């Protein structure tokens, strides 16, 4: 889900791919952002790239 968000998909688009409601997607991302120390989808993309590079 985080990779889809970092890839630029909207919550609605992510929900359609994963058979979840956009609100559920939003809730999961809301909980994930502080854990990764990010506040935007662009920062999420950068954080995921940094994790993958380790």
Protein backbone atom coordinates (compact mmCIF):
# COMPACT_ATOMS: atom_id res chain seq x y z
CA UNK A 1 0.00 0.00 0.00
CA UNK A 2 2.79 2.42 0.88
CA UNK A 3 4.55 1.73 -2.41
CA UNK A 4 1.36 2.43 -4.33
CA UNK A 5 0.92 5.72 -2.48
CA UNK A 6 4.55 6.62 -3.09
CA UNK A 7 4.00 5.81 -6.75
CA UNK A 8 1.43 8.56 -7.00
CA UNK A 9 -1.84 6.64 -6.80
CA UNK A 10 -4.75 8.21 -4.96
CA UNK A 11 -6.42 6.53 -2.01
CA UNK A 12 -9.34 5.66 -4.28
CA UNK A 13 -7.05 4.03 -6.85
CA UNK A 14 -5.17 2.10 -4.17
CA UNK A 15 -8.44 0.93 -2.65
CA UNK A 16 -9.67 -0.33 -6.01
CA UNK A 17 -6.47 -2.33 -6.54
CA UNK A 18 -6.51 -3.83 -3.04
CA UNK A 19 -10.30 -4.15 -2.66
CA UNK A 20 -10.38 -1.71 0.26
CA UNK A 21 -12.28 1.48 0.81
CA UNK A 22 -10.41 4.75 0.29
CA UNK A 23 -11.08 5.52 3.93
CA UNK A 24 -9.31 2.32 5.02
CA UNK A 25 -6.33 3.21 2.84
CA UNK A 26 -6.26 6.67 4.38
CA UNK A 27 -6.33 5.22 7.87
CA UNK A 28 -3.40 2.90 7.19
CA UNK A 29 -1.33 5.66 5.62
CA UNK A 30 -2.20 8.00 8.50
CA UNK A 31 -0.68 5.45 10.90
CA UNK A 32 2.32 4.74 8.69
CA UNK A 33 3.51 8.30 8.06
CA UNK A 34 4.61 9.02 11.66
CA UNK A 35 6.35 5.64 11.91
CA UNK A 36 8.50 6.53 8.92
CA UNK A 37 8.87 10.16 9.98
CA UNK A 38 7.28 11.57 6.83
CA UNK A 39 4.50 14.05 6.20
CA UNK A 40 3.94 13.79 2.44
CA UNK A 41 3.76 11.18 -0.29
CA UNK A 42 6.95 12.53 -1.83
CA UNK A 43 8.74 12.06 1.48
CA UNK A 44 7.20 8.59 1.70
CA UNK A 45 8.72 7.74 -1.68
CA UNK A 46 12.14 8.94 -0.52
CA UNK A 47 11.88 6.99 2.76
CA UNK A 48 10.94 3.77 0.96
CA UNK A 49 13.84 4.21 -1.45
CA UNK A 50 16.23 4.72 1.47
CA UNK A 51 14.93 1.58 3.18
CA UNK A 52 15.30 -0.45 -0.02
CA UNK A 53 18.88 0.76 -0.46
CA UNK A 54 19.93 -0.62 2.93
